[in-house]
């Protein structure tokens, strides 16, 4: 294997990944308080958060108002372009197929997620759209960052719904 091809084109800093996932977890808590499925997302460019969002499907009465979709729109506005090739997306749960498609279209550099979604995940759970051969872009994917915390908030939320309606 050629070492040039094996070397990442961007630095990986797991301490920063932990930190930015913490920011996404904070937004997931805000989603819960708003009676939304507790998923949070941040987009980072050059070490700074340029977009923050949590699920707002119920609030906005919009099936597309997932944390990732809202954060992508904010980031595109912040950057002044629809291409987010130098940006990293942190999200507490594996992106669904819709969000994964938008991430590919926006040409996101990296996607870092907390807990997997084996039923409908688009980053390896159901399908891996983020790295699908033949598409015009593939993202680097890192999974499992603060996975237990990310999974716990979802489990607690749905347990709460079952008990309290």
C-alpha atoms as a PDB file:
ATOM      1  CA  UNK A   1       0.000   0.000   0.000  1.00  0.00           C
ATOM      2  CA  UNK A   2       1.275   3.449  -0.910  1.00  0.00           C
ATOM      3  CA  UNK A   3       1.741   5.460   2.327  1.00  0.00           C
ATOM      4  CA  UNK A   4       0.724   8.660   0.518  1.00  0.00           C
ATOM      5  CA  UNK A   5      -2.697   7.174  -0.213  1.00  0.00           C
ATOM      6  CA  UNK A   6      -3.064   5.788   3.313  1.00  0.00           C
ATOM      7  CA  UNK A   7      -2.382   9.099   5.086  1.00  0.00           C
ATOM      8  CA  UNK A   8      -5.534  11.048   5.956  1.00  0.00           C
ATOM      9  CA  UNK A   9      -5.964  14.388   4.198  1.00  0.00           C
ATOM     10  CA  UNK A  10      -7.046  15.995   7.469  1.00  0.00           C
ATOM     11  CA  UNK A  11      -5.887  15.701  11.059  1.00  0.00           C
ATOM     12  CA  UNK A  12      -7.843  13.398  13.332  1.00  0.00           C
ATOM     13  CA  UNK A  13      -7.999  14.527  16.945  1.00  0.00           C
ATOM     14  CA  UNK A  14     -10.118  12.245  19.110  1.00  0.00           C
ATOM     15  CA  UNK A  15     -10.083  14.754  21.981  1.00  0.00           C
ATOM     16  CA  UNK A  16     -11.700  17.336  19.723  1.00  0.00           C
ATOM     17  CA  UNK A  17     -14.115  14.717  18.415  1.00  0.00           C
ATOM     18  CA  UNK A  18     -15.154  14.007  22.022  1.00  0.00           C
ATOM     19  CA  UNK A  19     -15.575  17.750  22.664  1.00  0.00           C
ATOM     20  CA  UNK A  20     -17.682  18.454  19.579  1.00  0.00           C
ATOM     21  CA  UNK A  21     -19.844  15.385  20.250  1.00  0.00           C
ATOM     22  CA  UNK A  22     -20.451  16.889  23.694  1.00  0.00           C
ATOM     23  CA  UNK A  23     -21.814  19.983  21.946  1.00  0.00           C
ATOM     24  CA  UNK A  24     -24.104  17.771  19.875  1.00  0.00           C
ATOM     25  CA  UNK A  25     -25.261  15.986  23.058  1.00  0.00           C
ATOM     26  CA  UNK A  26     -26.134  19.346  24.609  1.00  0.00           C
ATOM     27  CA  UNK A  27     -28.328  20.053  21.571  1.00  0.00           C
ATOM     28  CA  UNK A  28     -29.929  16.614  21.897  1.00  0.00           C
ATOM     29  CA  UNK A  29     -30.942  17.600  25.428  1.00  0.00           C
ATOM     30  CA  UNK A  30     -32.472  20.802  24.060  1.00  0.00           C
ATOM     31  CA  UNK A  31     -34.440  18.699  21.572  1.00  0.00           C
ATOM     32  CA  UNK A  32     -35.838  16.568  24.404  1.00  0.00           C
ATOM     33  CA  UNK A  33     -36.921  19.690  26.297  1.00  0.00           C
ATOM     34  CA  UNK A  34     -38.749  20.766  23.132  1.00  0.00           C
ATOM     35  CA  UNK A  35     -40.442  17.321  23.002  1.00  0.00           C
ATOM     36  CA  UNK A  36     -38.445  16.323  19.928  1.00  0.00           C
ATOM     37  CA  UNK A  37     -36.503  13.104  19.373  1.00  0.00           C
ATOM     38  CA  UNK A  38     -33.224  13.995  21.113  1.00  0.00           C
ATOM     39  CA  UNK A  39     -30.705  14.218  18.318  1.00  0.00           C
ATOM     40  CA  UNK A  40     -28.210  17.052  18.070  1.00  0.00           C
ATOM     41  CA  UNK A  41     -25.713  18.039  15.416  1.00  0.00           C
ATOM     42  CA  UNK A  42     -22.894  20.534  14.948  1.00  0.00           C
ATOM     43  CA  UNK A  43     -20.799  21.334  11.900  1.00  0.00           C
ATOM     44  CA  UNK A  44     -17.184  22.318  12.386  1.00  0.00           C
ATOM     45  CA  UNK A  45     -14.906  24.174   9.994  1.00  0.00           C
ATOM     46  CA  UNK A  46     -11.311  25.043  10.791  1.00  0.00           C
ATOM     47  CA  UNK A  47     -11.816  23.984  14.407  1.00  0.00           C
ATOM     48  CA  UNK A  48     -14.859  26.229  14.981  1.00  0.00           C
ATOM     49  CA  UNK A  49     -18.549  25.397  15.143  1.00  0.00           C
ATOM     50  CA  UNK A  50     -20.319  27.117  12.257  1.00  0.00           C
ATOM     51  CA  UNK A  51     -23.729  25.448  12.642  1.00  0.00           C
ATOM     52  CA  UNK A  52     -25.764  23.949  15.502  1.00  0.00           C
ATOM     53  CA  UNK A  53     -29.125  22.232  15.330  1.00  0.00           C
ATOM     54  CA  UNK A  54     -31.376  19.689  16.952  1.00  0.00           C
ATOM     55  CA  UNK A  55     -34.376  17.821  15.616  1.00  0.00           C
ATOM     56  CA  UNK A  56     -37.377  20.097  15.012  1.00  0.00           C
ATOM     57  CA  UNK A  57     -39.714  17.779  13.123  1.00  0.00           C
ATOM     58  CA  UNK A  58     -42.620  18.280  15.545  1.00  0.00           C
ATOM     59  CA  UNK A  59     -41.962  21.974  16.146  1.00  0.00           C
ATOM     60  CA  UNK A  60     -41.815  22.865  12.458  1.00  0.00           C
ATOM     61  CA  UNK A  61     -44.270  20.152  11.324  1.00  0.00           C
ATOM     62  CA  UNK A  62     -41.641  19.207   8.746  1.00  0.00           C
ATOM     63  CA  UNK A  63     -40.474  15.616   8.184  1.00  0.00           C
ATOM     64  CA  UNK A  64     -37.148  16.940   6.836  1.00  0.00           C
ATOM     65  CA  UNK A  65     -36.316  19.029   9.927  1.00  0.00           C
ATOM     66  CA  UNK A  66     -33.696  16.599  11.199  1.00  0.00           C
ATOM     67  CA  UNK A  67     -30.733  17.986  13.124  1.00  0.00           C
ATOM     68  CA  UNK A  68     -28.344  17.226  10.263  1.00  0.00           C
ATOM     69  CA  UNK A  69     -30.513  18.866   7.602  1.00  0.00           C
ATOM     70  CA  UNK A  70     -30.966  22.035   9.649  1.00  0.00           C
ATOM     71  CA  UNK A  71     -27.242  22.188  10.451  1.00  0.00           C
ATOM     72  CA  UNK A  72     -26.293  21.714   6.788  1.00  0.00           C
ATOM     73  CA  UNK A  73     -28.512  24.648   5.773  1.00  0.00           C
ATOM     74  CA  UNK A  74     -26.947  26.839   8.476  1.00  0.00           C
ATOM     75  CA  UNK A  75     -23.414  25.825   7.485  1.00  0.00           C
ATOM     76  CA  UNK A  76     -24.043  26.536   3.815  1.00  0.00           C
ATOM     77  CA  UNK A  77     -25.242  29.997   4.771  1.00  0.00           C
ATOM     78  CA  UNK A  78     -22.204  30.561   7.033  1.00  0.00           C
ATOM     79  CA  UNK A  79     -19.779  29.436   4.322  1.00  0.00           C
ATOM     80  CA  UNK A  80     -21.634  31.147   1.480  1.00  0.00           C
ATOM     81  CA  UNK A  81     -21.614  28.002  -0.637  1.00  0.00           C
ATOM     82  CA  UNK A  82     -23.460  24.692  -0.816  1.00  0.00           C
ATOM     83  CA  UNK A  83     -20.151  22.825  -0.863  1.00  0.00           C
ATOM     84  CA  UNK A  84     -18.971  21.910   2.636  1.00  0.00           C
ATOM     85  CA  UNK A  85     -15.872  19.968   1.591  1.00  0.00           C
ATOM     86  CA  UNK A  86     -13.749  21.334   4.450  1.00  0.00           C
ATOM     87  CA  UNK A  87     -16.387  20.723   7.127  1.00  0.00           C
ATOM     88  CA  UNK A  88     -17.028  17.946   9.633  1.00  0.00           C
ATOM     89  CA  UNK A  89     -20.498  16.993  10.861  1.00  0.00           C
ATOM     90  CA  UNK A  90     -20.972  15.642  14.392  1.00  0.00           C
ATOM     91  CA  UNK A  91     -24.305  14.012  15.176  1.00  0.00           C
ATOM     92  CA  UNK A  92     -25.456  11.987  18.154  1.00  0.00           C
ATOM     93  CA  UNK A  93     -27.116   9.223  16.064  1.00  0.00           C
ATOM     94  CA  UNK A  94     -26.147   7.708  12.747  1.00  0.00           C
ATOM     95  CA  UNK A  95     -27.689   9.802   9.965  1.00  0.00           C
ATOM     96  CA  UNK A  96     -30.783   8.380   8.261  1.00  0.00           C
ATOM     97  CA  UNK A  97     -30.812   7.792   4.521  1.00  0.00           C
ATOM     98  CA  UNK A  98     -32.297  11.237   3.800  1.00  0.00           C
ATOM     99  CA  UNK A  99     -29.643  13.007   5.839  1.00  0.00           C
ATOM    100  CA  UNK A 100     -26.867  10.821   4.436  1.00  0.00           C
ATOM    101  CA  UNK A 101     -27.948  11.779   0.913  1.00  0.00           C
ATOM    102  CA  UNK A 102     -27.840  15.480   1.803  1.00  0.00           C
ATOM    103  CA  UNK A 103     -24.419  15.028   3.428  1.00  0.00           C
ATOM    104  CA  UNK A 104     -23.056  13.451   0.233  1.00  0.00           C
ATOM    105  CA  UNK A 105     -24.597  16.195  -1.915  1.00  0.00           C
ATOM    106  CA  UNK A 106     -23.024  18.867   0.311  1.00  0.00           C
ATOM    107  CA  UNK A 107     -19.669  17.059  -0.069  1.00  0.00           C
ATOM    108  CA  UNK A 108     -19.016  16.982   3.676  1.00  0.00           C
ATOM    109  CA  UNK A 109     -15.452  15.928   4.536  1.00  0.00           C
ATOM    110  CA  UNK A 110     -16.144  13.821   7.638  1.00  0.00           C
ATOM    111  CA  UNK A 111     -19.151  12.525   9.538  1.00  0.00           C
ATOM    112  CA  UNK A 112     -18.671  11.623  13.181  1.00  0.00           C
ATOM    113  CA  UNK A 113     -21.618   9.993  14.918  1.00  0.00           C
ATOM    114  CA  UNK A 114     -22.336   8.583  18.336  1.00  0.00           C
ATOM    115  CA  UNK A 115     -24.693   5.621  18.310  1.00  0.00           C
ATOM    116  CA  UNK A 116     -25.573   3.420  15.350  1.00  0.00           C
ATOM    117  CA  UNK A 117     -28.998   3.021  13.766  1.00  0.00           C
ATOM    118  CA  UNK A 118     -29.176  -0.542  12.408  1.00  0.00           C
ATOM    119  CA  UNK A 119     -32.777  -0.128  11.156  1.00  0.00           C
ATOM    120  CA  UNK A 120     -32.499   3.043   9.087  1.00  0.00           C
ATOM    121  CA  UNK A 121     -28.925   4.317   9.273  1.00  0.00           C
ATOM    122  CA  UNK A 122     -27.309   5.687   6.140  1.00  0.00           C
ATOM    123  CA  UNK A 123     -23.690   5.397   7.327  1.00  0.00           C
ATOM    124  CA  UNK A 124     -23.487   1.621   7.586  1.00  0.00           C
ATOM    125  CA  UNK A 125     -26.599   0.704   9.590  1.00  0.00           C
ATOM    126  CA  UNK A 126     -29.079  -0.064   6.785  1.00  0.00           C
ATOM    127  CA  UNK A 127     -26.860   1.170   3.926  1.00  0.00           C
ATOM    128  CA  UNK A 128     -23.656   3.139   3.710  1.00  0.00           C
ATOM    129  CA  UNK A 129     -24.584   6.010   1.420  1.00  0.00           C
ATOM    130  CA  UNK A 130     -21.720   8.102   2.788  1.00  0.00           C
ATOM    131  CA  UNK A 131     -19.134   5.809   1.235  1.00  0.00           C
ATOM    132  CA  UNK A 132     -21.055   4.285  -1.653  1.00  0.00           C
ATOM    133  CA  UNK A 133     -18.969   3.689  -4.745  1.00  0.00           C
ATOM    134  CA  UNK A 134     -20.272   5.372  -7.842  1.00  0.00           C
ATOM    135  CA  UNK A 135     -21.573   8.488  -6.103  1.00  0.00           C
ATOM    136  CA  UNK A 136     -19.834  11.777  -6.814  1.00  0.00           C
ATOM    137  CA  UNK A 137     -18.510  12.041  -3.234  1.00  0.00           C
ATOM    138  CA  UNK A 138     -17.626   9.824  -0.288  1.00  0.00           C
ATOM    139  CA  UNK A 139     -17.183  11.013   3.303  1.00  0.00           C
ATOM    140  CA  UNK A 140     -14.833   9.755   5.919  1.00  0.00           C
ATOM    141  CA  UNK A 141     -16.904   8.199   8.730  1.00  0.00           C
ATOM    142  CA  UNK A 142     -16.055   7.792  12.399  1.00  0.00           C
ATOM    143  CA  UNK A 143     -18.618   6.053  14.586  1.00  0.00           C
ATOM    144  CA  UNK A 144     -18.942   5.334  18.278  1.00  0.00           C
ATOM    145  CA  UNK A 145     -17.787   8.680  19.705  1.00  0.00           C
ATOM    146  CA  UNK A 146     -19.530   8.925  23.099  1.00  0.00           C
ATOM    147  CA  UNK A 147     -21.792   6.133  21.885  1.00  0.00           C
ATOM    148  CA  UNK A 148     -23.128   5.121  25.294  1.00  0.00           C
ATOM    149  CA  UNK A 149     -24.226   8.683  26.112  1.00  0.00           C
ATOM    150  CA  UNK A 150     -25.761   9.178  22.679  1.00  0.00           C
ATOM    151  CA  UNK A 151     -27.644   5.893  22.883  1.00  0.00           C
ATOM    152  CA  UNK A 152     -28.739   6.444  26.483  1.00  0.00           C
ATOM    153  CA  UNK A 153     -30.526   9.727  25.805  1.00  0.00           C
ATOM    154  CA  UNK A 154     -32.537   8.088  22.996  1.00  0.00           C
ATOM    155  CA  UNK A 155     -33.415   5.037  25.112  1.00  0.00           C
ATOM    156  CA  UNK A 156     -34.492   7.231  28.034  1.00  0.00           C
ATOM    157  CA  UNK A 157     -36.571   9.458  25.755  1.00  0.00           C
ATOM    158  CA  UNK A 158     -38.489   6.564  24.200  1.00  0.00           C
ATOM    159  CA  UNK A 159     -38.937   4.850  27.577  1.00  0.00           C
ATOM    160  CA  UNK A 160     -40.370   8.125  28.901  1.00  0.00           C
ATOM    161  CA  UNK A 161     -42.765   8.319  25.935  1.00  0.00           C
ATOM    162  CA  UNK A 162     -43.983   4.751  26.510  1.00  0.00           C
ATOM    163  CA  UNK A 163     -44.730   5.485  30.165  1.00  0.00           C
ATOM    164  CA  UNK A 164     -46.117   9.013  29.760  1.00  0.00           C
ATOM    165  CA  UNK A 165     -47.654   8.816  26.327  1.00  0.00           C
END
